[in-house]
Amino acid sequence: MLAFFIRRLFQAIVVMFIISLISFSIQDNLGDPLRELVGQSVSEAERQALRDELGLNDPFLVQYGRFLKNALHGDLGTSYFFKEPALTVILKKLPATLELVFAATLIIVTLSVPLGVYAAIKPQSWFSKTIMGLSIVGISIPVFLTAIMLMYFFAIELGWMPSYGRGETVPVFGYWESGFLTADGLEHLVLPAISLASIMLPLFIRLIRSEMMEVLEQDYVRFAWAKGLSPKRIYFLHALKNTMLPVITVGGVQIGTMVAYTILTETVFQWPGMGFLFLEAVNRVDTPLIVAYLIIVGAIFVVTNTIVDLIYGLVNPTVKLAGKKA
């Protein structure tokens, strides 16, 4: 276990270094940040003086070295627009994004497991064929189109759900304000969560079905049938447990991916999370905020993958976290 953590910590440091280098190197291609900081009436001499003050005229390695030194102390720069530390600005928006991803994950887990298992156990039934047909449609429709359709039918036409915003929130601790604890916040969460879940739900249904059907053909399952075990025990104890091993691996990565996918969902529903903040930062050429966002998302991926490896090792005892054979 200790060797695993040391190895993953080293890998995380290397990955975060590469992410920070790539994120910092692309900022010069995003536009001139002085366009948003000063007006058109400012002279070229004043612009150059401001660039010198901000260190924008320094060589790349000098700028990156200064950024890396500050990042090690928790300083990812100061937002040009908000005039606050970029990390602070993102931490204020992070709870909204994490709650949206968590709600979408609950929907995916709740629906994909029973639907995928049923489609594997009874692949020829009309309900299974309907599930697989709808999953193909779900994979084909972009998330922003799903969001717009949900908003049109349930918010505009029927008026059942709110169409934008996060609703009423209550403070929990620090920058964390939760919408899970209010009825209005939950109402505002429904449509964005369904939209975000629509990206991964069809994928997980098809993945669980295919893995389950493969497991049901294994010799130990046939032996369990021969012993006269009950179908529920065979399906849900022997088969499903082994089905979930690759699903956990793929699921952990995809949950991290959903953090990035929230950009489109948050834009359509005006959800005040990190994705919506990132698009605003791009429009304003707020490079410190853009770089900080990419680093935070990268850190979420690294942490998620580490947790997935731990869970995989716990679910499958034959996997040794230290990398040694049993």
Protein backbone atom coordinates (compact mmCIF):
# COMPACT_ATOMS: atom_id res chain seq x y z
CA MET A 1 0.00 0.00 0.00
CA LEU A 2 2.78 2.43 0.92
CA ALA A 3 4.68 1.62 -2.25
CA PHE A 4 1.50 2.23 -4.27
CA PHE A 5 0.97 5.66 -2.74
CA ILE A 6 4.60 6.65 -3.27
CA ARG A 7 4.44 5.56 -6.91
CA ARG A 8 1.13 7.31 -7.54
CA LEU A 9 2.34 10.45 -5.77
CA PHE A 10 5.36 10.59 -8.06
CA GLN A 11 3.15 10.01 -11.10
CA ALA A 12 0.75 12.72 -9.93
CA ILE A 13 3.59 15.21 -9.57
CA VAL A 14 4.85 14.44 -13.08
CA VAL A 15 1.35 14.67 -14.58
CA MET A 16 0.57 17.94 -12.81
CA PHE A 17 3.91 19.39 -13.97
CA ILE A 18 3.07 18.52 -17.59
CA ILE A 19 -0.46 19.91 -17.24
CA SER A 20 0.85 23.17 -15.76
CA LEU A 21 3.44 23.48 -18.53
CA ILE A 22 0.90 22.93 -21.30
CA SER A 23 -1.69 25.18 -19.65
CA PHE A 24 0.80 27.99 -19.15
CA SER A 25 2.24 27.69 -22.66
CA ILE A 26 -1.09 28.16 -24.47
CA GLN A 27 -1.99 31.41 -22.76
CA ASP A 28 -0.12 33.51 -25.33
CA ASN A 29 -2.39 32.09 -28.05
CA LEU A 30 -5.61 33.11 -26.30
CA GLY A 31 -5.30 36.83 -27.02
CA ASP A 32 -3.97 39.96 -25.40
CA PRO A 33 -5.15 40.31 -21.77
CA LEU A 34 -4.47 44.06 -21.90
CA ARG A 35 -7.44 44.38 -24.22
CA GLU A 36 -9.72 43.73 -21.25
CA LEU A 37 -7.61 45.53 -18.66
CA VAL A 38 -7.29 48.90 -20.38
CA GLY A 39 -9.41 50.94 -22.75
CA GLN A 40 -8.74 51.90 -26.34
CA SER A 41 -7.61 55.38 -25.32
CA VAL A 42 -4.53 54.12 -23.48
CA SER A 43 -1.32 54.88 -25.36
CA GLU A 44 1.08 52.23 -26.59
CA ALA A 45 3.72 53.41 -24.12
CA GLU A 46 1.33 52.92 -21.22
CA ARG A 47 0.44 49.48 -22.54
CA GLN A 48 4.07 48.44 -22.68
CA ALA A 49 4.63 49.79 -19.16
CA LEU A 50 1.71 47.71 -17.91
CA ARG A 51 3.03 44.64 -19.72
CA ASP A 52 6.38 45.12 -17.99
CA GLU A 53 4.63 45.50 -14.64
CA LEU A 54 2.67 42.28 -15.18
CA GLY A 55 5.77 40.47 -16.41
CA LEU A 56 4.22 39.71 -19.81
CA ASN A 57 7.36 40.81 -21.68
CA ASP A 58 9.63 38.40 -19.79
CA PRO A 59 10.94 35.27 -21.57
CA PHE A 60 8.69 32.21 -21.35
CA LEU A 61 10.96 30.26 -19.02
CA VAL A 62 11.18 33.24 -16.66
CA GLN A 63 7.40 33.60 -16.60
CA TYR A 64 6.85 29.86 -16.13
CA GLY A 65 9.48 29.63 -13.41
CA ARG A 66 7.80 32.48 -11.54
CA PHE A 67 4.39 30.85 -11.98
CA LEU A 68 5.68 27.45 -10.79
CA LYS A 69 7.30 28.99 -7.72
CA ASN A 70 4.07 30.78 -6.79
CA ALA A 71 1.96 27.67 -7.56
CA LEU A 72 3.94 25.65 -5.04
CA HIS A 73 2.75 28.17 -2.43
CA GLY A 74 -0.88 27.90 -3.58
CA ASP A 75 -0.82 31.03 -5.73
CA LEU A 76 -2.08 30.38 -9.28
CA GLY A 77 -2.17 34.06 -10.17
CA THR A 78 -4.66 36.88 -9.84
CA SER A 79 -7.73 37.12 -12.05
CA TYR A 80 -7.61 40.18 -14.27
CA PHE A 81 -11.38 40.58 -14.17
CA PHE A 82 -12.28 39.67 -10.58
CA LYS A 83 -9.12 41.22 -9.08
CA GLU A 84 -8.95 38.20 -6.75
CA PRO A 85 -6.66 35.15 -6.57
CA ALA A 86 -7.66 32.82 -9.41
CA LEU A 87 -7.74 29.84 -7.04
CA THR A 88 -10.20 31.65 -4.77
CA VAL A 89 -12.48 32.49 -7.69
CA ILE A 90 -12.51 28.85 -8.81
CA LEU A 91 -13.07 27.49 -5.31
CA LYS A 92 -16.19 29.66 -5.07
CA LYS A 93 -17.56 28.04 -8.24
CA LEU A 94 -16.30 24.52 -7.59
CA PRO A 95 -19.17 23.43 -5.26
CA ALA A 96 -21.79 24.11 -7.93
CA THR A 97 -19.91 21.97 -10.46
CA LEU A 98 -19.23 19.13 -8.03
CA GLU A 99 -22.87 19.01 -6.94
CA LEU A 100 -23.97 18.87 -10.58
CA VAL A 101 -21.51 16.04 -11.33
CA PHE A 102 -22.57 14.19 -8.15
CA ALA A 103 -26.26 14.42 -9.06
CA ALA A 104 -25.53 13.21 -12.62
CA THR A 105 -23.46 10.32 -11.22
CA LEU A 106 -26.36 9.25 -8.98
CA ILE A 107 -28.66 9.16 -12.00
CA ILE A 108 -26.14 7.15 -14.02
CA VAL A 109 -25.50 4.58 -11.28
CA THR A 110 -29.18 4.24 -10.35
CA LEU A 111 -30.32 3.60 -13.92
CA SER A 112 -27.38 2.00 -15.73
CA VAL A 113 -26.84 -0.97 -13.38
CA PRO A 114 -30.40 -2.40 -13.36
CA LEU A 115 -31.02 -1.58 -17.04
CA GLY A 116 -27.67 -3.01 -18.16
CA VAL A 117 -28.14 -6.18 -16.10
CA TYR A 118 -31.68 -6.70 -17.37
CA ALA A 119 -30.58 -6.21 -20.98
CA ALA A 120 -27.88 -8.85 -20.45
CA ILE A 121 -30.12 -11.39 -18.72
CA LYS A 122 -32.97 -11.08 -21.24
CA PRO A 123 -31.35 -9.77 -24.43
CA GLN A 124 -34.25 -10.83 -26.69
CA SER A 125 -37.06 -9.17 -24.75
CA TRP A 126 -38.77 -6.12 -26.22
CA PHE A 127 -37.78 -4.03 -23.21
CA SER A 128 -34.09 -4.90 -23.68
CA LYS A 129 -34.27 -4.03 -27.36
CA THR A 130 -35.96 -0.74 -26.46
CA ILE A 131 -33.21 0.03 -23.93
CA MET A 132 -30.46 -0.64 -26.48
CA GLY A 133 -32.24 1.37 -29.15
CA LEU A 134 -32.64 4.36 -26.87
CA SER A 135 -29.00 4.05 -25.79
CA ILE A 136 -27.89 4.43 -29.40
CA VAL A 137 -30.04 7.55 -29.71
CA GLY A 138 -28.66 8.88 -26.43
CA ILE A 139 -25.05 8.43 -27.55
CA SER A 140 -25.79 10.22 -30.83
CA ILE A 141 -27.40 13.36 -29.38
CA PRO A 142 -24.96 16.07 -28.19
CA VAL A 143 -25.34 17.17 -24.59
CA PHE A 144 -26.18 20.77 -25.46
CA LEU A 145 -29.03 19.61 -27.71
CA THR A 146 -30.38 17.40 -24.91
CA ALA A 147 -30.18 20.36 -22.54
CA ILE A 148 -32.02 22.65 -24.94
CA MET A 149 -34.75 20.05 -25.54
CA LEU A 150 -35.25 19.47 -21.82
CA MET A 151 -35.39 23.19 -21.18
CA TYR A 152 -37.90 23.73 -23.97
CA PHE A 153 -40.34 20.97 -22.94
CA PHE A 154 -40.13 20.98 -19.14
CA ALA A 155 -39.32 24.62 -18.43
CA ILE A 156 -40.84 26.64 -21.26
CA GLU A 157 -43.75 24.56 -22.57
CA LEU A 158 -44.86 22.73 -19.41
CA GLY A 159 -43.44 25.13 -16.83
CA TRP A 160 -42.62 22.30 -14.44
CA MET A 161 -38.97 23.13 -13.85
CA PRO A 162 -36.87 26.30 -13.66
CA SER A 163 -34.87 26.99 -16.82
CA TYR A 164 -31.69 28.59 -15.51
CA GLY A 165 -29.62 29.35 -12.43
CA ARG A 166 -28.82 27.35 -9.34
CA GLY A 167 -31.75 28.39 -7.17
CA GLU A 168 -31.64 28.94 -3.43
CA THR A 169 -28.49 27.78 -1.65
CA VAL A 170 -27.43 27.62 1.97
CA PRO A 171 -23.86 27.97 3.30
CA VAL A 172 -22.23 24.75 4.48
CA PHE A 173 -18.63 25.67 5.23
CA GLY A 174 -16.07 27.99 3.70
CA TYR A 175 -16.91 28.75 0.09
CA TRP A 176 -19.31 25.82 -0.10
CA GLU A 177 -22.93 26.78 -0.63
CA SER A 178 -25.20 23.82 -1.29
CA GLY A 179 -28.41 23.58 -3.26
CA PHE A 180 -29.03 20.02 -2.06
CA LEU A 181 -30.46 21.32 1.20
CA THR A 182 -33.26 23.45 -0.29
CA ALA A 183 -36.31 22.49 -2.36
CA ASP A 184 -35.65 25.31 -4.81
CA GLY A 185 -32.04 24.23 -5.24
CA LEU A 186 -33.09 20.64 -5.97
CA GLU A 187 -35.63 21.82 -8.55
CA HIS A 188 -32.96 23.83 -10.34
CA LEU A 189 -30.63 20.81 -10.26
CA VAL A 190 -32.94 18.31 -11.98
CA LEU A 191 -32.69 19.38 -15.63
CA PRO A 192 -28.93 20.13 -15.66
CA ALA A 193 -28.20 16.81 -13.92
CA ILE A 194 -30.30 14.83 -16.41
CA SER A 195 -28.60 16.64 -19.30
CA LEU A 196 -25.14 15.89 -17.97
CA ALA A 197 -26.04 12.26 -17.19
CA SER A 198 -27.28 11.76 -20.76
CA ILE A 199 -23.66 11.79 -21.96
CA MET A 200 -22.52 8.77 -19.97
CA LEU A 201 -25.74 6.87 -19.19
CA PRO A 202 -26.05 5.12 -22.60
CA LEU A 203 -22.35 4.25 -22.51
CA PHE A 204 -22.60 2.62 -19.08
CA ILE A 205 -25.76 0.69 -19.98
CA ARG A 206 -24.06 -0.81 -23.02
CA LEU A 207 -20.82 -1.44 -21.11
CA ILE A 208 -22.57 -3.26 -18.25
CA ARG A 209 -24.66 -5.29 -20.69
CA SER A 210 -21.68 -6.43 -22.76
CA GLU A 211 -19.55 -7.24 -19.72
CA MET A 212 -22.41 -9.06 -18.01
CA MET A 213 -23.13 -11.18 -21.09
CA GLU A 214 -19.45 -12.10 -21.33
CA VAL A 215 -19.29 -13.06 -17.65
CA LEU A 216 -22.42 -15.20 -17.93
CA GLU A 217 -20.58 -17.37 -20.47
CA GLN A 218 -17.72 -18.12 -18.08
CA ASP A 219 -17.18 -21.64 -16.73
CA TYR A 220 -17.65 -20.71 -13.08
CA VAL A 221 -21.12 -19.31 -13.84
CA ARG A 222 -22.07 -22.51 -15.65
CA PHE A 223 -20.78 -24.47 -12.67
CA ALA A 224 -22.97 -22.34 -10.39
CA TRP A 225 -25.99 -23.22 -12.53
CA ALA A 226 -25.03 -26.89 -12.35
CA LYS A 227 -24.88 -26.71 -8.56
CA GLY A 228 -28.47 -25.50 -8.53
CA LEU A 229 -27.84 -22.04 -7.10
CA SER A 230 -30.69 -19.56 -7.35
CA PRO A 231 -30.72 -17.23 -10.37
CA LYS A 232 -30.57 -14.14 -8.14
CA ARG A 233 -27.43 -15.45 -6.42
CA ILE A 234 -25.80 -16.25 -9.75
CA TYR A 235 -26.72 -12.97 -11.43
CA PHE A 236 -26.13 -10.52 -8.61
CA LEU A 237 -23.45 -12.19 -6.49
CA HIS A 238 -21.26 -14.14 -8.89
CA ALA A 239 -21.77 -12.41 -12.24
CA LEU A 240 -22.43 -8.79 -11.32
CA LYS A 241 -19.43 -8.49 -9.01
CA ASN A 242 -17.03 -9.44 -11.79
CA THR A 243 -18.95 -7.34 -14.27
CA MET A 244 -18.33 -4.23 -12.18
CA LEU A 245 -14.51 -4.47 -12.28
CA PRO A 246 -14.05 -2.90 -15.75
CA VAL A 247 -17.06 -0.67 -15.16
CA ILE A 248 -15.36 0.84 -12.09
CA THR A 249 -12.21 1.50 -14.08
CA VAL A 250 -14.05 3.18 -16.95
CA GLY A 251 -16.50 4.90 -14.61
CA GLY A 252 -13.85 6.62 -12.55
CA VAL A 253 -12.24 8.14 -15.63
CA GLN A 254 -15.60 9.16 -17.09
CA ILE A 255 -16.69 10.87 -13.87
CA GLY A 256 -13.55 12.99 -14.11
CA THR A 257 -14.41 13.67 -17.74
CA MET A 258 -17.86 14.93 -16.72
CA VAL A 259 -16.20 17.79 -14.86
CA ALA A 260 -14.95 19.02 -18.23
CA TYR A 261 -18.28 18.26 -19.96
CA THR A 262 -20.08 20.56 -17.54
CA ILE A 263 -18.97 23.50 -19.70
CA LEU A 264 -21.80 22.93 -22.21
CA THR A 265 -24.43 22.02 -19.62
CA GLU A 266 -23.61 24.98 -17.39
CA THR A 267 -23.67 27.34 -20.37
CA VAL A 268 -27.14 26.28 -21.50
CA PHE A 269 -28.65 26.44 -18.00
CA GLN A 270 -26.52 29.40 -16.83
CA TRP A 271 -25.31 27.20 -14.00
CA PRO A 272 -22.79 29.21 -11.93
CA GLY A 273 -20.05 26.58 -11.89
CA MET A 274 -16.48 26.21 -13.09
CA GLY A 275 -17.42 25.42 -16.69
CA PHE A 276 -19.46 28.58 -17.12
CA LEU A 277 -16.69 30.54 -15.40
CA PHE A 278 -14.12 29.07 -17.81
CA LEU A 279 -16.04 30.25 -20.88
CA GLU A 280 -16.33 33.73 -19.39
CA ALA A 281 -12.59 33.71 -18.69
CA VAL A 282 -11.88 32.76 -22.32
CA ASN A 283 -14.09 35.59 -23.60
CA ARG A 284 -12.31 38.07 -21.32
CA VAL A 285 -8.83 36.62 -22.02
CA ASP A 286 -8.42 36.19 -18.26
CA THR A 287 -5.35 34.00 -18.66
CA PRO A 288 -4.59 33.44 -14.94
CA LEU A 289 -8.12 32.14 -14.46
CA ILE A 290 -7.89 29.92 -17.55
CA VAL A 291 -4.59 28.39 -16.44
CA ALA A 292 -5.91 27.87 -12.89
CA TYR A 293 -9.03 26.14 -14.23
CA LEU A 294 -7.02 23.72 -16.37
CA ILE A 295 -4.76 22.87 -13.44
CA ILE A 296 -7.69 22.28 -11.07
CA VAL A 297 -9.47 20.04 -13.61
CA GLY A 298 -6.21 18.14 -14.13
CA ALA A 299 -5.87 17.68 -10.37
CA ILE A 300 -9.42 16.29 -10.23
CA PHE A 301 -8.51 13.74 -12.90
CA VAL A 302 -5.40 12.66 -10.99
CA VAL A 303 -7.27 12.29 -7.69
CA THR A 304 -10.15 10.45 -9.35
CA ASN A 305 -7.85 7.95 -11.06
CA THR A 306 -6.04 7.26 -7.77
CA ILE A 307 -9.33 6.60 -5.98
CA VAL A 308 -10.41 4.29 -8.81
CA ASP A 309 -7.22 2.26 -8.43
CA LEU A 310 -7.87 1.91 -4.71
CA ILE A 311 -11.47 0.80 -5.23
CA TYR A 312 -10.41 -1.63 -7.95
CA GLY A 313 -7.89 -3.18 -5.58
CA LEU A 314 -10.52 -3.57 -2.87
CA VAL A 315 -13.14 -5.07 -5.18
CA ASN A 316 -10.69 -7.45 -6.84
CA PRO A 317 -8.44 -9.05 -4.17
CA THR A 318 -6.20 -10.56 -6.87
CA VAL A 319 -4.97 -7.07 -7.76
CA LYS A 320 -1.96 -6.02 -5.68
CA LEU A 321 -1.66 -2.26 -5.31
CA ALA A 322 2.05 -2.51 -4.82
CA GLY A 323 2.38 -4.13 -8.22
CA LYS A 324 3.50 -7.55 -6.95
CA LYS A 325 2.03 -10.82 -8.05
CA ALA A 326 -0.02 -12.82 -5.58
